[in-house]
Structures are given as C-alpha cells and as structure tokens.
Amino acid sequence: MDSISANPFLGVALHAVGATFAATCYTPEKRVRGWSWQSYWLTQASFCWFLLPILGAVLTIPELRTVLREAPRGAMLLSFLLGAAYGIGGTAFGISIRYIGFSLTYAIAVGLSSVLGTLIPPLVKGTLFATLQKPGAEWIILGIVVGTMGIAGAGWAGRLKEGDLSRQETRGQFSLTKGLLLSLLAGVLSAVYGFALEAGEPIADVATAHGAGVWRGNVTYIFSNTGAFLTTSVYCLFLHIRHRSLGELIELPSGQPEASLPVNWAMALVTGVLWYGQFFFYNLGHVRMGQYKFTSWAIHMIMLVLISNVVGMLLREWRPCRSATRRTIRVALVVLVGAVLLLTYGNYVGESATTANRPLSSEAPE
C-alpha cells in the first residue's frame, strides 16, 4: 500500500481548494448566450467528465497502460456503472440550479449527499462502528451533526429566500417544487459517486504499486467520470434531437446580437476545468486525512455548501431578500465553519493517537 504521510490540516486545506472549485464551477453559465441548456451541459461535460480525467491520468499516473492492464476488470466496470448513476444526479443538479439558484440547490443536494456519502460506504464495508470507537471519533460525530445542522440552516434560508422572491418581479424561473425534487435526486445520486470512487480503490492500489503516490486516485476518475459522461451525453443528445438544436454548437441561431460562439465554448471549458479541479484536489486531500479518511466526503461537501453560499452572495442572489433572510444564511455559514473546524480537530486527534501508538523504529547498537 501507499506510504503517504498523513497530515489532516494539509488535507483539509486541499479539500477547501477543491470545494472552491466546485462552488464556482457553474458560474460561467451566466455568460453563455444563444445556446440551449443541453448545448452548454454537453460541452462542459465533455471536458470535465471525459477529456480532463483522461488527461489528468496520463499526466500523473506512471506506466498508465500497464496499470490499466493489471487493474481488476470488475473494479473498472463497477466504478463506471456507479459513475453513470452519478451522471443522472449531476444532470438533475444542473437543472435544479435554474429553478432554485446556487445556494438552495447546494444546500439540499449536497447536504443529503454529505450524510449518505460519508456514512454509508464504511457502513457497507462493516468498518464504521469500529472506526468510531477510536480517539477523536466524538469530534467527528459532532462535526457531522453540526454540519448537517448548518446545511439545514442554509436550506431554511433558501426557503425564506423563496418566499421573498415570490413577492418580487425578480423571481424569474424560481420554482421550489421542481427544484426540490431535482435536488433530492441529485443528492442521493451524488452520494453514489462516493461508491464509484470506493469501487475504484483496487485500480488506485495498482497505480500505487507503479509509483503513483498522492496522484493514485486520478486513475479511478477515468472510469467513474466517463460513466457520468455516458448518461449525461445520452440525455443531452435526446434534448438536441427533440429540439433540433445540435447545430448551435457550431453556428449560433440568428437574432442573438450579444451571443458569441467562442465565448460559449470558453465558458464551457472553464466550467469543465473547475468541475474536474474539485476532485483533482479532493484526491490530494483525501490521501492525507489519515485515520478518518471517510470524513473527506463530509468535509468536501460542507465546505462546498459554505463556499457556494458565499458565491451566491457575491452573485447578489440574496440581495433582494429581507434582512432576516440574509441574517439566517449568515448564521448558517458560521455553523458550517464550526463543523469544518470540528471535523478537522477530530482528524487531528485521531492521527495524533495513531502516531503515538506507532512503534518506533529500532536504533542500531553503538
């Protein structure tokens, strides 16, 4: 196995970078003009779920062809299929943003994914209860609970926001019912992505044997992300056929004076880079978390909700709301920060206990 030194503080910092990428990855969509949703979504998915995972593996995994020959075929297939299920959730997530905005979508979808994706994998493996008996586990549990409360608070702020916007002309496409259903679907299937990464661990182990080091997880993305690309592209192509819109990828419809095809492609590329970047840094943080690696998903998701709501404020999503609504989201953000600190401290305590109990290497006799 790998000999990567655990460093929970560095791991959390890298998770923060990944969460920032995730929280901002869909903001370029606001600059897209003259494209249907399916054109933008298919283009950005081609980058983040197909091209960039392959490029990332080529650049970081030594002897990649040998790794792929030696890796278990069953692990490849299972990671691909679970990634395909995640692709459905990712599509639902993108549609949900149109109805309830960045903040509430992240609160519901990511909140549900945080709990399910963190606790279910070790529960299925039968290691959860034994792990939670170790030093620092009480801080981990408290961090997950506080994080869930913070996410719920962000969701409540979103409900208040819905009420505020319903009284104003700025409501636009805001629809709580549609957005809620899509966010719930996205949350459940986002948790499946954690299983896709877990299923790909045997592939990452082979990569480690060939010297991949901290980059070992990048080989798994070849399968989990291309699975997501398959289901996403099928749905987008269906919409293109239905609306006869595939041609706009190479020529914009007339009557769009502010639209620019190069800008649209550039925005889709930026989206893809940011989305892929979140899991590029997620892997770098995950391998450094030590005793409680399974908390990586919770840390990533809590930070994602935290940062995405900050992004929502910067994008002025909350500006039309009442002061009470804005105050609610601020309190929720403080709670989310507290959850990250608790999870970080729990990981630190667990790793310190592991280091203290590790036998010292024997010294040569004088």
Protein backbone atom coordinates (compact mmCIF):
# COMPACT_ATOMS: atom_id res chain seq x y z
CA MET A 1 0.00 0.00 0.00
CA ASP A 2 1.00 3.66 -0.18
CA SER A 3 3.28 5.31 2.34
CA ILE A 4 1.81 8.79 2.09
CA SER A 5 2.26 10.74 5.30
CA ALA A 6 -0.99 11.75 6.96
CA ASN A 7 -1.49 15.46 7.53
CA PRO A 8 -5.13 16.32 8.29
CA PHE A 9 -4.52 20.08 8.27
CA LEU A 10 -3.00 19.96 4.79
CA GLY A 11 -5.73 17.54 3.74
CA VAL A 12 -8.49 19.94 4.85
CA ALA A 13 -6.74 22.84 3.11
CA LEU A 14 -6.65 20.86 -0.14
CA HIS A 15 -10.31 19.94 0.32
CA ALA A 16 -11.03 23.66 0.67
CA VAL A 17 -9.38 24.32 -2.69
CA GLY A 18 -11.44 21.55 -4.28
CA ALA A 19 -14.64 22.83 -2.68
CA THR A 20 -13.94 26.32 -4.00
CA PHE A 21 -13.59 24.90 -7.50
CA ALA A 22 -16.87 23.01 -7.05
CA ALA A 23 -18.72 26.02 -5.67
CA THR A 24 -17.76 28.22 -8.61
CA CYS A 25 -17.82 25.75 -11.49
CA TYR A 26 -21.28 26.68 -12.77
CA THR A 27 -20.94 30.46 -12.53
CA PRO A 28 -19.58 30.73 -16.11
CA GLU A 29 -23.02 29.61 -17.34
CA LYS A 30 -24.27 33.13 -16.68
CA ARG A 31 -22.06 34.36 -19.55
CA VAL A 32 -23.40 31.85 -22.09
CA ARG A 33 -25.69 33.37 -24.75
CA GLY A 34 -27.51 31.77 -27.67
CA TRP A 35 -27.08 28.17 -26.50
CA SER A 36 -29.77 25.90 -25.18
CA TRP A 37 -29.14 24.28 -21.81
CA GLN A 38 -28.28 20.96 -23.46
CA SER A 39 -25.57 22.56 -25.61
CA TYR A 40 -23.83 24.09 -22.62
CA TRP A 41 -24.22 20.99 -20.47
CA LEU A 42 -22.97 18.56 -23.12
CA THR A 43 -19.96 20.74 -23.90
CA GLN A 44 -18.84 21.26 -20.31
CA ALA A 45 -19.46 17.56 -19.57
CA SER A 46 -17.20 16.60 -22.47
CA PHE A 47 -14.38 18.42 -20.72
CA CYS A 48 -14.97 17.62 -17.04
CA TRP A 49 -16.27 14.06 -17.33
CA PHE A 50 -14.36 12.76 -20.33
CA LEU A 51 -11.34 14.65 -21.65
CA LEU A 52 -9.82 16.07 -18.46
CA PRO A 53 -9.97 12.85 -16.38
CA ILE A 54 -8.11 11.05 -19.15
CA LEU A 55 -5.59 13.88 -19.49
CA GLY A 56 -5.12 14.05 -15.71
CA ALA A 57 -4.37 10.33 -15.52
CA VAL A 58 -1.96 10.49 -18.46
CA LEU A 59 -0.02 13.31 -16.82
CA THR A 60 0.11 11.93 -13.27
CA ILE A 61 -0.03 8.11 -13.35
CA PRO A 62 3.29 6.42 -14.21
CA GLU A 63 3.06 3.47 -16.58
CA LEU A 64 -0.64 4.11 -17.12
CA ARG A 65 -1.05 1.45 -19.81
CA THR A 66 0.47 -1.17 -17.54
CA VAL A 67 -1.75 -0.06 -14.66
CA LEU A 68 -4.85 -0.42 -16.82
CA ARG A 69 -3.77 -3.88 -17.98
CA GLU A 70 -3.18 -5.09 -14.43
CA ALA A 71 -6.17 -3.43 -12.75
CA PRO A 72 -9.18 -5.66 -11.92
CA ARG A 73 -11.79 -5.56 -14.67
CA GLY A 74 -14.60 -5.87 -12.14
CA ALA A 75 -13.45 -2.72 -10.34
CA MET A 76 -13.33 -0.83 -13.62
CA LEU A 77 -16.85 -1.87 -14.58
CA LEU A 78 -18.39 -1.19 -11.17
CA SER A 79 -16.79 2.25 -10.92
CA PHE A 80 -18.04 3.05 -14.42
CA LEU A 81 -21.62 1.93 -13.70
CA LEU A 82 -21.81 3.83 -10.40
CA GLY A 83 -20.41 6.88 -12.16
CA ALA A 84 -23.17 6.52 -14.75
CA ALA A 85 -25.76 6.71 -11.97
CA TYR A 86 -24.00 9.81 -10.66
CA GLY A 87 -24.25 11.37 -14.11
CA ILE A 88 -28.03 11.33 -13.79
CA GLY A 89 -27.71 13.17 -10.49
CA GLY A 90 -25.31 15.70 -11.99
CA THR A 91 -27.79 16.47 -14.76
CA ALA A 92 -30.60 16.88 -12.20
CA PHE A 93 -28.30 19.17 -10.22
CA GLY A 94 -27.69 21.42 -13.22
CA ILE A 95 -31.39 21.72 -14.00
CA SER A 96 -32.20 22.41 -10.34
CA ILE A 97 -29.94 25.46 -10.33
CA ARG A 98 -32.23 27.08 -12.89
CA TYR A 99 -35.22 26.74 -10.55
CA ILE A 100 -33.87 27.47 -7.06
CA GLY A 101 -30.45 29.04 -7.58
CA PHE A 102 -26.98 28.04 -6.49
CA SER A 103 -27.48 28.37 -2.74
CA LEU A 104 -30.56 26.24 -2.17
CA THR A 105 -29.51 23.59 -4.70
CA TYR A 106 -26.21 23.11 -2.91
CA ALA A 107 -27.92 23.10 0.49
CA ILE A 108 -30.35 20.28 -0.36
CA ALA A 109 -28.40 18.16 -2.84
CA VAL A 110 -25.03 18.47 -1.17
CA GLY A 111 -26.47 18.16 2.34
CA LEU A 112 -28.10 14.85 1.54
CA SER A 113 -25.02 13.66 -0.31
CA SER A 114 -22.80 14.66 2.62
CA VAL A 115 -24.56 12.38 5.10
CA LEU A 116 -25.16 9.44 2.77
CA GLY A 117 -21.81 9.59 1.02
CA THR A 118 -19.87 9.82 4.30
CA LEU A 119 -21.56 7.17 6.43
CA ILE A 120 -22.86 4.55 4.02
CA PRO A 121 -19.55 3.40 2.42
CA PRO A 122 -17.86 2.47 5.74
CA LEU A 123 -21.19 1.07 6.99
CA VAL A 124 -21.41 -1.23 3.96
CA LYS A 125 -17.79 -2.29 4.48
CA GLY A 126 -18.54 -3.07 8.12
CA THR A 127 -15.87 -0.70 9.47
CA LEU A 128 -17.95 2.26 10.62
CA PHE A 129 -18.72 1.26 14.20
CA ALA A 130 -15.19 0.02 14.90
CA THR A 131 -13.72 3.22 13.49
CA LEU A 132 -15.97 5.40 15.63
CA GLN A 133 -14.61 3.77 18.78
CA LYS A 134 -11.17 5.29 18.20
CA PRO A 135 -9.75 8.53 19.66
CA GLY A 136 -11.22 11.69 18.14
CA ALA A 137 -14.36 9.93 16.95
CA GLU A 138 -16.60 12.03 19.19
CA TRP A 139 -15.38 15.17 17.41
CA ILE A 140 -16.03 13.53 14.06
CA ILE A 141 -19.60 12.66 15.04
CA LEU A 142 -20.19 16.15 16.40
CA GLY A 143 -18.75 17.70 13.24
CA ILE A 144 -21.10 15.67 11.03
CA VAL A 145 -24.09 16.61 13.21
CA VAL A 146 -23.18 20.30 13.28
CA GLY A 147 -22.50 20.21 9.55
CA THR A 148 -25.94 18.73 8.93
CA MET A 149 -27.46 21.47 11.08
CA GLY A 150 -25.57 24.11 9.12
CA ILE A 151 -26.71 22.66 5.81
CA ALA A 152 -30.29 22.54 7.13
CA GLY A 153 -29.93 26.17 8.18
CA ALA A 154 -28.77 27.07 4.69
CA GLY A 155 -31.78 25.19 3.33
CA TRP A 156 -34.13 27.09 5.64
CA ALA A 157 -32.57 30.35 4.49
CA GLY A 158 -33.32 29.19 0.96
CA ARG A 159 -36.96 28.65 1.88
CA LEU A 160 -37.10 32.18 3.26
CA LYS A 161 -35.46 33.35 0.07
CA GLU A 162 -38.15 31.61 -1.97
CA GLY A 163 -40.80 33.47 -0.03
CA ASP A 164 -39.02 36.78 -0.51
CA LEU A 165 -38.52 36.33 -4.24
CA SER A 166 -42.11 35.20 -4.78
CA ARG A 167 -43.20 38.72 -3.84
CA GLN A 168 -40.91 40.36 -6.36
CA GLU A 169 -40.57 40.56 -10.12
CA THR A 170 -37.06 39.16 -9.84
CA ARG A 171 -38.40 35.69 -9.23
CA GLY A 172 -37.63 34.52 -12.80
CA GLN A 173 -37.72 30.71 -13.12
CA PHE A 174 -37.75 30.18 -9.35
CA SER A 175 -39.80 27.03 -8.57
CA LEU A 176 -39.34 25.37 -5.21
CA THR A 177 -41.29 22.21 -6.11
CA LYS A 178 -39.32 21.40 -9.25
CA GLY A 179 -36.02 22.43 -7.71
CA LEU A 180 -36.65 20.44 -4.53
CA LEU A 181 -37.41 17.20 -6.38
CA LEU A 182 -34.40 17.60 -8.64
CA SER A 183 -32.13 18.49 -5.71
CA LEU A 184 -33.23 15.41 -3.76
CA LEU A 185 -32.49 13.20 -6.76
CA ALA A 186 -29.15 14.90 -7.23
CA GLY A 187 -28.29 14.47 -3.54
CA VAL A 188 -28.96 10.72 -3.50
CA LEU A 189 -27.09 10.07 -6.73
CA SER A 190 -24.21 12.34 -5.75
CA ALA A 191 -23.64 10.04 -2.78
CA VAL A 192 -23.36 7.20 -5.30
CA TYR A 193 -20.24 8.91 -6.65
CA GLY A 194 -18.53 8.12 -3.36
CA PHE A 195 -19.25 4.46 -4.03
CA ALA A 196 -17.79 4.83 -7.52
CA LEU A 197 -14.53 6.10 -6.02
CA GLU A 198 -14.58 3.36 -3.40
CA ALA A 199 -15.16 0.74 -6.10
CA GLY A 200 -12.11 2.09 -7.93
CA GLU A 201 -9.74 1.66 -4.97
CA PRO A 202 -8.30 -1.63 -6.36
CA ILE A 203 -7.37 0.30 -9.51
CA ALA A 204 -5.71 3.01 -7.42
CA ASP A 205 -3.81 0.32 -5.49
CA VAL A 206 -2.30 -0.92 -8.75
CA ALA A 207 -1.36 2.65 -9.63
CA THR A 208 0.35 2.98 -6.24
CA ALA A 209 2.40 -0.14 -6.94
CA HIS A 210 3.69 1.63 -10.06
CA GLY A 211 4.68 4.78 -8.18
CA ALA A 212 1.59 6.99 -8.48
CA GLY A 213 1.93 8.25 -4.90
CA VAL A 214 -0.50 11.04 -4.00
CA TRP A 215 -1.90 11.02 -7.54
CA ARG A 216 -3.22 7.46 -7.22
CA GLY A 217 -6.90 8.43 -7.27
CA ASN A 218 -6.65 10.10 -10.68
CA VAL A 219 -6.73 6.72 -12.42
CA THR A 220 -10.14 5.97 -10.91
CA TYR A 221 -11.64 9.08 -12.50
CA ILE A 222 -11.12 7.55 -15.93
CA PHE A 223 -13.94 5.12 -15.12
CA SER A 224 -16.19 6.96 -12.65
CA ASN A 225 -16.27 10.16 -14.72
CA THR A 226 -16.69 8.56 -18.13
CA GLY A 227 -19.65 6.68 -16.68
CA ALA A 228 -21.15 10.02 -15.70
CA PHE A 229 -20.40 11.36 -19.18
CA LEU A 230 -22.29 8.49 -20.81
CA THR A 231 -25.63 9.15 -19.10
CA THR A 232 -25.24 12.91 -19.37
CA SER A 233 -24.49 12.83 -23.09
CA VAL A 234 -27.40 10.48 -23.79
CA TYR A 235 -29.84 12.89 -22.12
CA CYS A 236 -28.37 15.97 -23.78
CA LEU A 237 -28.40 14.34 -27.22
CA PHE A 238 -32.03 13.36 -26.64
CA LEU A 239 -32.87 17.01 -25.97
CA HIS A 240 -30.90 18.09 -29.03
CA ILE A 241 -32.85 15.69 -31.26
CA ARG A 242 -36.13 16.73 -29.69
CA HIS A 243 -35.50 20.44 -30.12
CA ARG A 244 -33.30 20.21 -33.24
CA SER A 245 -30.62 22.27 -31.53
CA LEU A 246 -27.41 20.30 -32.14
CA GLY A 247 -26.30 22.68 -34.90
CA GLU A 248 -25.93 25.59 -32.46
CA LEU A 249 -22.69 24.01 -31.22
CA ILE A 250 -21.02 25.16 -34.44
CA GLU A 251 -23.27 28.04 -35.52
CA LEU A 252 -25.38 30.25 -33.26
CA PRO A 253 -29.00 30.95 -34.18
CA SER A 254 -29.69 34.31 -35.80
CA GLY A 255 -31.11 37.13 -33.73
CA GLN A 256 -28.57 36.78 -30.90
CA PRO A 257 -26.50 40.01 -31.12
CA GLU A 258 -24.87 39.52 -27.70
CA ALA A 259 -24.04 35.85 -28.28
CA SER A 260 -20.55 34.66 -29.15
CA LEU A 261 -19.69 31.09 -30.07
CA PRO A 262 -16.04 31.34 -28.89
CA VAL A 263 -17.22 32.80 -25.55
CA ASN A 264 -19.72 29.98 -25.10
CA TRP A 265 -17.06 27.34 -25.74
CA ALA A 266 -14.64 29.16 -23.44
CA MET A 267 -17.22 29.29 -20.63
CA ALA A 268 -17.95 25.58 -21.06
CA LEU A 269 -14.22 24.87 -20.90
CA VAL A 270 -13.83 26.93 -17.72
CA THR A 271 -16.76 25.07 -16.17
CA GLY A 272 -15.17 21.74 -17.06
CA VAL A 273 -11.78 22.72 -15.64
CA LEU A 274 -13.32 23.94 -12.40
CA TRP A 275 -15.51 20.86 -12.01
CA TYR A 276 -12.65 18.45 -12.64
CA GLY A 277 -10.44 20.56 -10.40
CA GLN A 278 -12.66 19.86 -7.40
CA PHE A 279 -11.92 16.14 -7.47
CA PHE A 280 -8.31 16.62 -8.50
CA PHE A 281 -7.80 18.40 -5.18
CA TYR A 282 -10.26 16.11 -3.40
CA ASN A 283 -7.94 13.20 -4.10
CA LEU A 284 -4.89 15.13 -2.90
CA GLY A 285 -6.70 15.96 0.35
CA HIS A 286 -8.20 12.50 0.83
CA VAL A 287 -4.90 10.62 0.81
CA ARG A 288 -3.63 12.87 3.62
CA MET A 289 -6.57 12.55 6.02
CA GLY A 290 -5.16 9.60 7.95
CA GLN A 291 -7.30 7.65 10.44
CA TYR A 292 -10.66 9.10 9.40
CA LYS A 293 -10.34 9.24 5.62
CA PHE A 294 -14.05 8.56 5.24
CA THR A 295 -14.75 12.09 6.53
CA SER A 296 -13.27 13.54 3.34
CA TRP A 297 -16.66 13.48 1.69
CA ALA A 298 -18.34 15.34 4.58
CA ILE A 299 -15.58 17.94 4.72
CA HIS A 300 -15.70 18.48 0.98
CA MET A 301 -19.48 18.78 0.92
CA ILE A 302 -19.80 21.04 3.96
CA MET A 303 -17.17 23.35 2.52
CA LEU A 304 -18.99 23.25 -0.80
CA VAL A 305 -22.23 24.48 0.81
CA LEU A 306 -20.29 27.11 2.74
CA ILE A 307 -18.41 28.47 -0.24
CA SER A 308 -21.32 28.16 -2.67
CA ASN A 309 -23.47 30.36 -0.45
CA VAL A 310 -20.68 32.91 -0.29
CA VAL A 311 -20.59 32.75 -4.09
CA GLY A 312 -24.37 33.21 -4.10
CA MET A 313 -23.94 36.37 -2.05
CA LEU A 314 -21.24 37.65 -4.39
CA LEU A 315 -23.58 36.99 -7.31
CA ARG A 316 -26.24 39.00 -5.43
CA GLU A 317 -28.69 36.11 -5.21
CA TRP A 318 -29.54 37.19 -1.67
CA ARG A 319 -29.62 40.93 -2.28
CA PRO A 320 -33.40 41.16 -3.00
CA CYS A 321 -34.18 39.26 0.24
CA ARG A 322 -35.24 40.69 3.58
CA SER A 323 -32.63 41.39 6.23
CA ALA A 324 -33.96 38.46 8.32
CA THR A 325 -33.30 36.09 5.42
CA ARG A 326 -29.78 37.37 4.95
CA ARG A 327 -29.18 37.09 8.68
CA THR A 328 -30.32 33.46 8.62
CA ILE A 329 -27.87 32.50 5.90
CA ARG A 330 -25.05 34.26 7.76
CA VAL A 331 -25.76 32.21 10.90
CA ALA A 332 -25.83 29.04 8.80
CA LEU A 333 -22.43 29.91 7.36
CA VAL A 334 -20.96 30.36 10.84
CA VAL A 335 -22.32 26.93 11.84
CA LEU A 336 -20.78 25.38 8.72
CA VAL A 337 -17.41 26.89 9.57
CA GLY A 338 -17.73 25.37 13.06
CA ALA A 339 -18.45 21.95 11.52
CA VAL A 340 -15.31 22.10 9.40
CA LEU A 341 -13.24 23.01 12.47
CA LEU A 342 -14.72 20.13 14.47
CA LEU A 343 -14.03 17.61 11.71
CA THR A 344 -10.52 18.94 11.30
CA TYR A 345 -9.83 18.65 15.02
CA GLY A 346 -11.26 15.14 15.14
CA ASN A 347 -8.96 14.07 12.32
CA TYR A 348 -6.03 15.69 14.11
CA VAL A 349 -6.78 13.85 17.37
CA GLY A 350 -7.19 10.55 15.56
CA GLU A 351 -3.95 10.91 13.65
CA SER A 352 -2.05 12.06 16.78
CA ALA A 353 -3.24 8.94 18.64
CA THR A 354 -2.20 6.73 15.73
CA THR A 355 1.25 8.35 15.60
CA ALA A 356 1.70 7.99 19.38
CA ASN A 357 0.83 4.28 19.25
CA ARG A 358 3.03 3.57 16.25
CA PRO A 359 6.12 1.54 17.27
CA LEU A 360 9.41 3.35 16.96
CA SER A 361 11.97 2.00 14.55
CA SER A 362 14.87 0.20 16.23
CA GLU A 363 18.12 2.07 16.51
CA ALA A 364 21.40 0.42 15.58
CA PRO A 365 23.58 -0.54 18.59
CA GLU A 366 26.50 1.72 19.30
